[in-house]
Amino acid sequence: MITLFVEGLEFYAHHGVPEAEQAIGHRYAVDLEIDVREKATQTDRVEDTVDYAAVAEALVGHAQEHRYRTLERLAAGLCDTLFETFEAIVEVRMRLAKRLPPAPIIAEVAGVEIVRSRG
């Protein structure tokens, strides 16, 4: 088993509770660790692991094609997409953050952490 990671992946998408936030959109950041069944340590072939660039593209694509009210649901949808797209993924650990959240607080980020396993 290998753990792949992507840190600081950023994208712009339209999620949130207020209608205005869904219309205007917001900037998000993801830190991701995925446990992968792989053979690439022996074969040195990207086909025998999970391509982290493809993972990033799948996450951004899902986030920009769907709309959710809560970060929790967005994070769950992102995990579901990874499991559906990459059969070799065994577990996903993700921190999803919204930068400068529009709330009656002053915070640089607010977010969720989710852990999901296949099956």
C-alpha atoms as a PDB file:
ATOM      1  CA  MET A   1       0.000   0.000   0.000  1.00  0.00           C
ATOM      2  CA  ILE A   2       1.219   3.476  -0.892  1.00  0.00           C
ATOM      3  CA  THR A   3      -0.106   6.823   0.330  1.00  0.00           C
ATOM      4  CA  LEU A   4      -0.259   9.510  -2.348  1.00  0.00           C
ATOM      5  CA  PHE A   5      -0.911  13.111  -1.396  1.00  0.00           C
ATOM      6  CA  VAL A   6      -1.818  16.433  -2.933  1.00  0.00           C
ATOM      7  CA  GLU A   7      -1.595  19.534  -0.747  1.00  0.00           C
ATOM      8  CA  GLY A   8      -2.893  22.996  -1.458  1.00  0.00           C
ATOM      9  CA  LEU A   9      -5.056  22.140  -4.462  1.00  0.00           C
ATOM     10  CA  GLU A  10      -7.187  25.231  -5.069  1.00  0.00           C
ATOM     11  CA  PHE A  11     -10.274  25.788  -7.173  1.00  0.00           C
ATOM     12  CA  TYR A  12     -13.164  28.176  -7.576  1.00  0.00           C
ATOM     13  CA  ALA A  13     -16.693  26.776  -7.302  1.00  0.00           C
ATOM     14  CA  HIS A  14     -20.281  27.689  -6.383  1.00  0.00           C
ATOM     15  CA  HIS A  15     -21.293  26.149  -3.055  1.00  0.00           C
ATOM     16  CA  GLY A  16     -22.739  27.557   0.153  1.00  0.00           C
ATOM     17  CA  VAL A  17     -25.859  28.186   2.141  1.00  0.00           C
ATOM     18  CA  PRO A  18     -26.772  31.691   0.951  1.00  0.00           C
ATOM     19  CA  GLU A  19     -28.055  32.005  -2.615  1.00  0.00           C
ATOM     20  CA  ALA A  20     -25.645  34.900  -3.162  1.00  0.00           C
ATOM     21  CA  GLU A  21     -22.682  32.680  -2.321  1.00  0.00           C
ATOM     22  CA  GLN A  22     -23.877  30.037  -4.775  1.00  0.00           C
ATOM     23  CA  ALA A  23     -24.238  32.723  -7.449  1.00  0.00           C
ATOM     24  CA  ILE A  24     -20.902  34.455  -6.846  1.00  0.00           C
ATOM     25  CA  GLY A  25     -18.828  31.408  -5.931  1.00  0.00           C
ATOM     26  CA  HIS A  26     -15.895  31.014  -3.604  1.00  0.00           C
ATOM     27  CA  ARG A  27     -12.299  29.815  -3.454  1.00  0.00           C
ATOM     28  CA  TYR A  28     -11.633  26.391  -1.908  1.00  0.00           C
ATOM     29  CA  ALA A  29      -8.516  24.452  -0.965  1.00  0.00           C
ATOM     30  CA  VAL A  30      -8.012  20.694  -0.576  1.00  0.00           C
ATOM     31  CA  ASP A  31      -5.305  18.708   1.163  1.00  0.00           C
ATOM     32  CA  LEU A  32      -5.639  15.060   0.236  1.00  0.00           C
ATOM     33  CA  GLU A  33      -4.094  11.728   1.188  1.00  0.00           C
ATOM     34  CA  ILE A  34      -5.148   8.562  -0.593  1.00  0.00           C
ATOM     35  CA  ASP A  35      -4.097   5.015   0.186  1.00  0.00           C
ATOM     36  CA  VAL A  36      -3.613   3.076  -3.025  1.00  0.00           C
ATOM     37  CA  ARG A  37      -3.226  -0.575  -3.981  1.00  0.00           C
ATOM     38  CA  GLU A  38      -0.426  -0.445  -6.457  1.00  0.00           C
ATOM     39  CA  LYS A  39       2.434  -2.212  -8.168  1.00  0.00           C
ATOM     40  CA  ALA A  40       4.290   0.863  -9.392  1.00  0.00           C
ATOM     41  CA  THR A  41       7.092   0.368  -6.864  1.00  0.00           C
ATOM     42  CA  GLN A  42       8.049  -2.694  -8.909  1.00  0.00           C
ATOM     43  CA  THR A  43       6.855  -1.801 -12.422  1.00  0.00           C
ATOM     44  CA  ASP A  44       7.532   1.955 -12.479  1.00  0.00           C
ATOM     45  CA  ARG A  45       4.341   2.364 -14.578  1.00  0.00           C
ATOM     46  CA  VAL A  46       1.809   5.082 -13.857  1.00  0.00           C
ATOM     47  CA  GLU A  47      -0.898   2.621 -14.955  1.00  0.00           C
ATOM     48  CA  ASP A  48      -0.075   0.564 -11.846  1.00  0.00           C
ATOM     49  CA  THR A  49      -0.848   3.367  -9.409  1.00  0.00           C
ATOM     50  CA  VAL A  50      -3.150   6.394  -9.283  1.00  0.00           C
ATOM     51  CA  ASP A  51      -2.028   9.485 -11.201  1.00  0.00           C
ATOM     52  CA  TYR A  52      -2.238  12.411  -8.784  1.00  0.00           C
ATOM     53  CA  ALA A  53      -2.796  14.864 -11.657  1.00  0.00           C
ATOM     54  CA  ALA A  54      -5.845  12.852 -12.746  1.00  0.00           C
ATOM     55  CA  VAL A  55      -7.051  12.844  -9.117  1.00  0.00           C
ATOM     56  CA  ALA A  56      -6.781  16.639  -8.980  1.00  0.00           C
ATOM     57  CA  GLU A  57      -8.647  17.004 -12.280  1.00  0.00           C
ATOM     58  CA  ALA A  58     -11.433  14.703 -11.050  1.00  0.00           C
ATOM     59  CA  LEU A  59     -11.827  16.707  -7.825  1.00  0.00           C
ATOM     60  CA  VAL A  60     -11.939  20.081  -9.549  1.00  0.00           C
ATOM     61  CA  GLY A  61     -14.294  18.782 -12.233  1.00  0.00           C
ATOM     62  CA  HIS A  62     -16.741  17.421  -9.654  1.00  0.00           C
ATOM     63  CA  ALA A  63     -16.610  20.588  -7.551  1.00  0.00           C
ATOM     64  CA  GLN A  64     -17.326  22.788 -10.549  1.00  0.00           C
ATOM     65  CA  GLU A  65     -20.088  20.580 -12.026  1.00  0.00           C
ATOM     66  CA  HIS A  66     -22.131  20.180  -8.823  1.00  0.00           C
ATOM     67  CA  ARG A  67     -23.583  22.542  -6.227  1.00  0.00           C
ATOM     68  CA  TYR A  68     -23.913  21.820  -2.520  1.00  0.00           C
ATOM     69  CA  ARG A  69     -24.919  23.861   0.485  1.00  0.00           C
ATOM     70  CA  THR A  70     -22.533  22.338   3.037  1.00  0.00           C
ATOM     71  CA  LEU A  71     -18.824  21.618   2.979  1.00  0.00           C
ATOM     72  CA  GLU A  72     -19.621  18.212   4.447  1.00  0.00           C
ATOM     73  CA  ARG A  73     -21.700  17.223   1.411  1.00  0.00           C
ATOM     74  CA  LEU A  74     -19.145  18.655  -1.000  1.00  0.00           C
ATOM     75  CA  ALA A  75     -16.372  16.648   0.698  1.00  0.00           C
ATOM     76  CA  ALA A  76     -18.478  13.472   0.565  1.00  0.00           C
ATOM     77  CA  GLY A  77     -19.204  14.055  -3.137  1.00  0.00           C
ATOM     78  CA  LEU A  78     -15.508  14.529  -3.845  1.00  0.00           C
ATOM     79  CA  CYS A  79     -14.678  11.263  -2.062  1.00  0.00           C
ATOM     80  CA  ASP A  80     -17.421   9.416  -3.956  1.00  0.00           C
ATOM     81  CA  THR A  81     -15.992  10.679  -7.242  1.00  0.00           C
ATOM     82  CA  LEU A  82     -12.519   9.412  -6.353  1.00  0.00           C
ATOM     83  CA  PHE A  83     -13.806   5.928  -5.478  1.00  0.00           C
ATOM     84  CA  GLU A  84     -15.917   5.788  -8.650  1.00  0.00           C
ATOM     85  CA  THR A  85     -13.070   6.964 -10.875  1.00  0.00           C
ATOM     86  CA  PHE A  86     -10.046   5.155  -9.421  1.00  0.00           C
ATOM     87  CA  GLU A  87     -10.484   1.501  -8.524  1.00  0.00           C
ATOM     88  CA  ALA A  88      -7.072   1.277  -6.833  1.00  0.00           C
ATOM     89  CA  ILE A  89      -8.002   3.792  -4.108  1.00  0.00           C
ATOM     90  CA  VAL A  90      -8.574   2.098  -0.746  1.00  0.00           C
ATOM     91  CA  GLU A  91      -8.977   5.097   1.573  1.00  0.00           C
ATOM     92  CA  VAL A  92      -9.321   8.873   1.238  1.00  0.00           C
ATOM     93  CA  ARG A  93      -8.400  11.434   3.895  1.00  0.00           C
ATOM     94  CA  MET A  94      -9.321  14.970   2.903  1.00  0.00           C
ATOM     95  CA  ARG A  95      -9.298  18.432   4.434  1.00  0.00           C
ATOM     96  CA  LEU A  96     -11.555  20.801   2.513  1.00  0.00           C
ATOM     97  CA  ALA A  97     -11.349  24.489   3.358  1.00  0.00           C
ATOM     98  CA  LYS A  98     -13.179  27.613   2.288  1.00  0.00           C
ATOM     99  CA  ARG A  99     -10.930  30.655   2.328  1.00  0.00           C
ATOM    100  CA  LEU A 100     -12.236  33.769   4.122  1.00  0.00           C
ATOM    101  CA  PRO A 101     -15.661  32.248   4.823  1.00  0.00           C
ATOM    102  CA  PRO A 102     -18.605  34.642   4.614  1.00  0.00           C
ATOM    103  CA  ALA A 103     -19.751  34.370   8.214  1.00  0.00           C
ATOM    104  CA  PRO A 104     -20.046  36.635  11.247  1.00  0.00           C
ATOM    105  CA  ILE A 105     -16.502  35.624  12.227  1.00  0.00           C
ATOM    106  CA  ILE A 106     -13.077  36.595  11.001  1.00  0.00           C
ATOM    107  CA  ALA A 107     -11.195  33.475   9.937  1.00  0.00           C
ATOM    108  CA  GLU A 108      -8.692  32.782   7.200  1.00  0.00           C
ATOM    109  CA  VAL A 109     -10.227  29.343   6.547  1.00  0.00           C
ATOM    110  CA  ALA A 110     -13.079  27.180   7.731  1.00  0.00           C
ATOM    111  CA  GLY A 111     -13.514  23.613   6.654  1.00  0.00           C
ATOM    112  CA  VAL A 112     -14.061  19.948   7.236  1.00  0.00           C
ATOM    113  CA  GLU A 113     -11.981  16.824   7.408  1.00  0.00           C
ATOM    114  CA  ILE A 114     -13.361  13.562   6.078  1.00  0.00           C
ATOM    115  CA  VAL A 115     -12.071   9.998   6.051  1.00  0.00           C
ATOM    116  CA  ARG A 116     -13.709   7.426   3.788  1.00  0.00           C
ATOM    117  CA  SER A 117     -12.780   3.826   3.001  1.00  0.00           C
ATOM    118  CA  ARG A 118     -13.828   1.720   0.072  1.00  0.00           C
ATOM    119  CA  GLY A 119     -16.623  -0.744   0.778  1.00  0.00           C
END
